[in-house]
């Protein structure tokens, strides 16, 4: 069964309006998720999951949101605590059977580093109080507990946080594979890029869309990046905290020097790209990664409506491409 196209478009429009309305809250939400997770990658995932859950809950007729910031923080806190509850319930045998080895490694490593020192509730309480200066009663509401329990969590959490944390492990990604991607990208050779993808590859522009399968990834995000953006985007492999990533440089007409406006993260399986994630529309994540690399950065807003993002688009070429894709889909 397929959903009607008009229904899909209506939902997409409402989703974009929701993201636009919540833009002012995004920096603080990301800062909170960053403090909870201890990882820039996990923080962005938690932000996106929080926004999606908040959007889905809008249809609840009993929902009353007097404090949107606290509401989003509560959802993020619940997702974070639930994440660790699920982790604790998974046996070692189940972990070894996981379909996503990188995700399993990240979950195990995060759980090992944080649960050894703080419970999720303690960590959330400390961050809400010491970073965002919420009152005890507000924290109790966000964490759905009592002020007394918050006091206990703060006392225990602050003591445990005095111990330093060790570095996070990352799943290995082949530098040789990324070098092939970079070379093909910079040559504007879409077919060479495509053959590096698994048949079941997933491509994602975080906060914008996900495409499943080699052909879909080729025809949408890859084609767009290679041929429909100003600034002659140029790829370069870099290493961020031990993990190979690809940064994308742009040299727009009004810029005196090129700047990095995108970071790509990869998952590899059996020598091919299994997942490609673009953080083009994630300003906080983009700023932290590129800043850590010591490179000049320019962000692009939170969605395809942002003027910074629209400035990258070759509008005439985009309209022709969009019309061609529509005609192909209809036939």
Protein backbone atom coordinates (compact mmCIF):
# COMPACT_ATOMS: atom_id res chain seq x y z
CA UNK A 1 0.00 0.00 0.00
CA UNK A 2 1.35 3.43 -0.99
CA UNK A 3 0.48 6.67 0.79
CA UNK A 4 -1.19 9.26 -1.46
CA UNK A 5 1.29 11.82 -2.79
CA UNK A 6 -0.77 14.76 -1.55
CA UNK A 7 -0.79 13.34 2.00
CA UNK A 8 2.99 12.87 1.90
CA UNK A 9 3.47 16.45 0.75
CA UNK A 10 1.15 17.79 3.46
CA UNK A 11 3.07 15.96 6.17
CA UNK A 12 6.39 17.20 4.76
CA UNK A 13 5.14 20.78 4.80
CA UNK A 14 3.91 20.51 8.41
CA UNK A 15 7.21 18.88 9.44
CA UNK A 16 9.18 21.73 7.89
CA UNK A 17 7.01 24.31 9.66
CA UNK A 18 7.61 22.48 12.93
CA UNK A 19 11.38 22.55 12.37
CA UNK A 20 11.24 26.25 11.53
CA UNK A 21 9.24 27.04 14.68
CA UNK A 22 11.68 25.11 16.88
CA UNK A 23 14.82 26.65 15.36
CA UNK A 24 15.35 29.11 18.26
CA UNK A 25 15.48 26.15 20.68
CA UNK A 26 17.94 24.08 18.64
CA UNK A 27 21.24 25.50 19.99
CA UNK A 28 20.29 24.81 23.62
CA UNK A 29 18.78 21.44 22.74
CA UNK A 30 21.99 20.43 20.97
CA UNK A 31 24.11 21.69 23.88
CA UNK A 32 22.02 19.60 26.28
CA UNK A 33 22.25 16.47 24.12
CA UNK A 34 25.98 17.05 23.64
CA UNK A 35 26.50 17.19 27.40
CA UNK A 36 24.41 14.05 27.94
CA UNK A 37 26.04 11.89 25.30
CA UNK A 38 29.63 13.10 25.37
CA UNK A 39 29.80 12.61 21.58
CA UNK A 40 29.08 15.08 18.78
CA UNK A 41 27.71 12.27 16.60
CA UNK A 42 25.44 10.82 19.29
CA UNK A 43 24.30 14.32 20.26
CA UNK A 44 23.03 15.06 16.76
CA UNK A 45 21.24 11.70 16.66
CA UNK A 46 19.57 12.48 19.99
CA UNK A 47 18.53 15.94 18.76
CA UNK A 48 16.93 14.47 15.63
CA UNK A 49 15.18 11.71 17.60
CA UNK A 50 13.89 14.30 20.08
CA UNK A 51 12.45 16.52 17.36
CA UNK A 52 10.83 13.56 15.64
CA UNK A 53 9.26 12.34 18.89
CA UNK A 54 8.04 15.85 19.75
CA UNK A 55 6.49 16.22 16.30
CA UNK A 56 4.75 12.86 16.57
CA UNK A 57 3.29 13.80 19.97
CA UNK A 58 1.65 16.97 18.64
CA UNK A 59 -1.42 14.94 17.70
CA UNK A 60 -2.03 14.03 21.35
CA UNK A 61 -5.18 15.94 22.25
CA UNK A 62 -4.24 15.95 25.95
CA UNK A 63 -0.88 17.59 25.24
CA UNK A 64 -0.32 21.09 26.67
CA UNK A 65 3.08 22.69 26.08
CA UNK A 66 3.59 25.74 28.30
CA UNK A 67 7.39 25.58 28.19
CA UNK A 68 8.62 24.27 24.79
CA UNK A 69 12.26 24.20 25.87
CA UNK A 70 11.54 22.10 28.95
CA UNK A 71 9.26 19.90 26.84
CA UNK A 72 12.05 19.12 24.37
CA UNK A 73 14.53 18.58 27.20
CA UNK A 74 12.11 16.12 28.81
CA UNK A 75 11.78 14.14 25.59
CA UNK A 76 15.57 14.11 25.14
CA UNK A 77 16.02 12.95 28.74
CA UNK A 78 13.48 10.14 28.34
CA UNK A 79 15.07 8.97 25.09
CA UNK A 80 18.50 9.03 26.72
CA UNK A 81 17.38 7.02 29.77
CA UNK A 82 15.44 4.56 27.59
CA UNK A 83 18.51 4.10 25.41
CA UNK A 84 20.49 2.84 28.41
CA UNK A 85 17.66 0.69 29.68
CA UNK A 86 17.57 -1.07 26.33
CA UNK A 87 21.36 -1.40 26.37
CA UNK A 88 21.27 -3.04 29.80
CA UNK A 89 18.61 -5.51 28.63
CA UNK A 90 20.66 -6.71 25.63
CA UNK A 91 22.82 -9.75 26.32
CA UNK A 92 26.39 -10.09 24.96
CA UNK A 93 25.11 -12.77 22.57
CA UNK A 94 22.47 -10.39 21.25
CA UNK A 95 25.06 -7.66 20.72
CA UNK A 96 27.24 -9.91 18.62
CA UNK A 97 24.25 -10.58 16.35
CA UNK A 98 23.51 -6.88 15.78
CA UNK A 99 22.98 -5.92 12.15
CA UNK A 100 24.90 -2.65 12.57
CA UNK A 101 28.38 -3.35 14.00
CA UNK A 102 29.32 0.33 14.28
CA UNK A 103 26.17 1.21 16.19
CA UNK A 104 26.70 -1.74 18.55
CA UNK A 105 30.26 -0.63 19.24
CA UNK A 106 29.13 2.93 19.96
CA UNK A 107 26.38 1.77 22.32
CA UNK A 108 28.72 -0.54 24.22
CA UNK A 109 31.41 2.12 24.46
CA UNK A 110 29.02 4.87 25.57
CA UNK A 111 27.42 2.60 28.14
CA UNK A 112 30.81 1.51 29.46
CA UNK A 113 32.13 5.06 29.79
CA UNK A 114 29.03 6.66 31.33
CA UNK A 115 27.39 3.93 33.38
CA UNK A 116 30.71 3.30 35.09
CA UNK A 117 30.51 6.83 36.50
CA UNK A 118 26.97 8.21 36.30
CA UNK A 119 23.51 6.84 35.81
CA UNK A 120 21.59 8.53 32.96
CA UNK A 121 19.35 10.25 35.55
CA UNK A 122 22.37 11.63 37.43
CA UNK A 123 23.97 12.92 34.26
CA UNK A 124 20.77 14.63 33.10
CA UNK A 125 20.26 16.24 36.52
CA UNK A 126 23.81 17.62 36.64
CA UNK A 127 23.62 19.03 33.13
CA UNK A 128 20.20 20.63 33.67
CA UNK A 129 21.34 22.29 36.89
CA UNK A 130 24.98 23.16 36.30
CA UNK A 131 24.85 23.95 32.58
CA UNK A 132 21.33 25.30 32.06
CA UNK A 133 20.58 26.49 35.62
CA UNK A 134 17.09 25.02 35.84
CA UNK A 135 15.47 25.14 39.28
CA UNK A 136 15.13 21.87 41.20
CA UNK A 137 11.37 21.83 40.66
CA UNK A 138 11.83 22.33 36.90
CA UNK A 139 14.38 19.52 36.75
CA UNK A 140 12.01 17.24 38.66
CA UNK A 141 9.30 17.98 36.09
CA UNK A 142 11.63 17.35 33.13
CA UNK A 143 12.92 14.08 34.61
CA UNK A 144 9.48 13.12 35.94
CA UNK A 145 10.71 12.61 39.49
CA UNK A 146 10.77 14.49 42.82
CA UNK A 147 12.90 17.42 43.96
CA UNK A 148 14.40 15.17 46.63
CA UNK A 149 15.44 12.61 44.04
CA UNK A 150 16.99 15.40 41.97
CA UNK A 151 19.04 16.56 44.97
CA UNK A 152 20.31 13.04 45.50
CA UNK A 153 21.16 12.67 41.82
CA UNK A 154 23.04 15.98 41.84
CA UNK A 155 25.06 15.03 44.91
CA UNK A 156 26.02 11.61 43.60
CA UNK A 157 26.55 12.77 40.02
CA UNK A 158 28.87 15.65 40.89
CA UNK A 159 31.09 13.36 42.91
CA UNK A 160 31.34 10.80 40.13
CA UNK A 161 31.97 13.43 37.45
CA UNK A 162 35.20 14.38 39.16
CA UNK A 163 36.78 11.29 37.55
CA UNK A 164 38.09 11.86 33.99
CA UNK A 165 36.57 9.92 31.12
CA UNK A 166 38.57 7.88 28.64
CA UNK A 167 38.51 8.35 24.86
CA UNK A 168 35.66 6.81 22.84
CA UNK A 169 36.44 4.06 20.42
CA UNK A 170 35.21 4.34 16.86
CA UNK A 171 34.52 1.70 14.27
CA UNK A 172 37.22 1.59 11.59
CA UNK A 173 36.45 3.03 8.16
CA UNK A 174 38.92 2.41 5.35
CA UNK A 175 40.89 5.49 4.41
CA UNK A 176 41.51 3.92 0.99
CA UNK A 177 37.75 3.69 0.38
CA UNK A 178 37.28 7.34 1.34
CA UNK A 179 40.18 8.35 -0.90
CA UNK A 180 38.41 6.67 -3.81
CA UNK A 181 35.23 8.55 -2.93
CA UNK A 182 37.11 11.86 -2.73
CA UNK A 183 38.82 11.32 -6.09
CA UNK A 184 35.56 10.40 -7.84
CA UNK A 185 33.67 13.26 -6.18
CA UNK A 186 36.25 15.85 -7.22
CA UNK A 187 36.25 14.48 -10.79
CA UNK A 188 32.43 14.92 -10.84
CA UNK A 189 32.24 11.26 -11.87
CA UNK A 190 28.87 10.14 -10.56
CA UNK A 191 29.25 6.58 -11.82
CA UNK A 192 32.63 6.14 -10.09
CA UNK A 193 31.07 7.37 -6.87
CA UNK A 194 28.10 5.07 -7.32
CA UNK A 195 30.11 1.87 -7.72
CA UNK A 196 31.60 2.49 -4.28
CA UNK A 197 28.11 2.08 -2.75
CA UNK A 198 26.56 -1.20 -1.67
CA UNK A 199 23.36 -2.13 -3.47
CA UNK A 200 21.48 -1.60 -0.18
CA UNK A 201 23.34 1.60 0.73
CA UNK A 202 21.58 4.33 2.72
CA UNK A 203 22.17 8.02 2.10
CA UNK A 204 21.02 10.69 4.54
CA UNK A 205 21.08 14.45 4.73
CA UNK A 206 20.47 14.70 8.46
CA UNK A 207 17.36 16.76 9.25
CA UNK A 208 16.24 16.68 5.60
CA UNK A 209 15.77 13.20 4.16
CA UNK A 210 16.88 9.57 3.81
CA UNK A 211 17.31 7.59 0.58
CA UNK A 212 17.47 3.78 0.43
CA UNK A 213 19.35 1.80 -2.20
CA UNK A 214 22.27 2.60 -4.49
CA UNK A 215 20.15 4.10 -7.27
CA UNK A 216 18.19 6.39 -4.95
CA UNK A 217 21.35 7.67 -3.26
CA UNK A 218 22.96 8.27 -6.67
CA UNK A 219 19.97 10.06 -8.21
CA UNK A 220 19.17 12.37 -5.28
CA UNK A 221 21.80 13.48 -2.72
CA UNK A 222 24.89 12.58 -4.76
CA UNK A 223 23.62 14.07 -8.02
CA UNK A 224 22.54 17.20 -6.14
CA UNK A 225 25.93 17.66 -4.45
CA UNK A 226 27.94 17.07 -7.61
CA UNK A 227 25.97 19.11 -10.15
CA UNK A 228 23.38 21.39 -8.51
CA UNK A 229 25.41 23.46 -6.06
CA UNK A 230 27.41 26.64 -6.54
CA UNK A 231 30.91 26.97 -5.18
CA UNK A 232 32.56 24.07 -6.97
CA UNK A 233 32.29 21.73 -3.96
CA UNK A 234 35.56 19.89 -3.35
CA UNK A 235 35.98 16.86 -1.08
CA UNK A 236 38.92 16.19 1.21
CA UNK A 237 39.59 13.36 3.65
CA UNK A 238 40.39 14.41 7.20
CA UNK A 239 40.62 12.61 10.54
CA UNK A 240 38.30 13.70 13.34
CA UNK A 241 39.17 12.20 16.74
CA UNK A 242 40.64 9.08 15.18
CA UNK A 243 37.89 8.59 12.60
CA UNK A 244 38.28 9.32 8.87
CA UNK A 245 35.64 11.73 7.59
CA UNK A 246 35.21 13.78 4.42
CA UNK A 247 34.85 17.56 4.52
CA UNK A 248 33.39 19.49 1.58
CA UNK A 249 34.91 22.83 0.66
CA UNK A 250 32.98 25.57 -1.18
CA UNK A 251 34.31 28.70 -2.90
CA UNK A 252 31.33 30.95 -3.53
CA UNK A 253 31.74 34.14 -5.56
CA UNK A 254 31.32 36.40 -2.54
CA UNK A 255 33.84 34.47 -0.42
CA UNK A 256 37.49 35.51 -0.42
CA UNK A 257 38.66 32.03 0.53
CA UNK A 258 37.05 28.56 0.41
CA UNK A 259 35.20 27.39 3.51
CA UNK A 260 33.95 24.02 4.71
CA UNK A 261 30.15 23.80 4.62
CA UNK A 262 29.58 20.07 4.93
CA UNK A 263 30.97 16.99 6.67
CA UNK A 264 30.26 13.44 5.52
CA UNK A 265 30.45 10.40 7.79
CA UNK A 266 30.60 6.88 6.41
CA UNK A 267 29.89 3.31 7.40
CA UNK A 268 31.66 0.55 5.52
CA UNK A 269 30.68 -3.06 5.02
CA UNK A 270 32.53 -5.63 2.93
CA UNK A 271 34.70 -3.00 1.27
CA UNK A 272 31.86 -0.72 0.14
CA UNK A 273 30.00 2.27 1.51
CA UNK A 274 26.97 1.02 3.46
CA UNK A 275 25.81 4.39 4.81
CA UNK A 276 26.65 7.98 3.99
CA UNK A 277 25.47 10.78 6.27
CA UNK A 278 25.69 14.48 5.43
CA UNK A 279 25.68 17.04 8.27
CA UNK A 280 25.09 19.97 5.93
CA UNK A 281 22.03 21.17 7.90
CA UNK A 282 23.37 20.58 11.43
CA UNK A 283 25.04 23.89 12.41
CA UNK A 284 26.24 22.91 15.89
CA UNK A 285 27.65 19.55 14.78
CA UNK A 286 29.26 21.08 11.70
CA UNK A 287 30.83 23.89 13.73
CA UNK A 288 32.30 21.56 16.35
CA UNK A 289 33.79 19.07 13.89
CA UNK A 290 35.23 21.62 11.48
CA UNK A 291 36.42 23.83 14.33
CA UNK A 292 38.20 20.89 15.94
CA UNK A 293 39.93 20.28 12.60
CA UNK A 294 41.07 23.92 12.60
CA UNK A 295 39.35 24.72 9.30
CA UNK A 296 37.17 27.71 8.31
CA UNK A 297 33.48 26.86 8.49
CA UNK A 298 30.22 28.35 7.29
CA UNK A 299 26.92 26.83 8.35
CA UNK A 300 23.80 26.48 6.19
CA UNK A 301 20.86 26.79 8.56
CA UNK A 302 18.61 23.99 9.82
CA UNK A 303 16.65 23.13 6.69
CA UNK A 304 16.16 23.57 2.93
CA UNK A 305 14.29 26.85 3.57
CA UNK A 306 17.38 28.55 5.05
CA UNK A 307 18.83 31.41 2.95
CA UNK A 308 22.36 30.06 3.52
CA UNK A 309 21.35 26.72 2.04
CA UNK A 310 19.39 28.23 -0.84
CA UNK A 311 22.44 30.31 -1.76
CA UNK A 312 24.21 27.08 -2.66
CA UNK A 313 21.56 25.96 -5.13
CA UNK A 314 21.88 26.39 -8.89
CA UNK A 315 18.20 27.23 -9.15
CA UNK A 316 17.69 26.86 -12.92
CA UNK A 317 19.53 23.52 -13.03
CA UNK A 318 17.64 22.38 -9.92
CA UNK A 319 14.24 23.14 -11.45
CA UNK A 320 15.11 21.20 -14.62
CA UNK A 321 16.40 18.26 -12.54
CA UNK A 322 13.30 18.30 -10.35
CA UNK A 323 10.99 18.34 -13.36
CA UNK A 324 12.89 15.48 -14.96
CA UNK A 325 12.63 13.41 -11.79
CA UNK A 326 8.89 14.11 -11.58
CA UNK A 327 8.34 13.03 -15.19
CA UNK A 328 10.38 9.88 -14.66
CA UNK A 329 8.37 8.96 -11.55
CA UNK A 330 5.06 9.47 -13.40
CA UNK A 331 6.11 7.10 -16.17
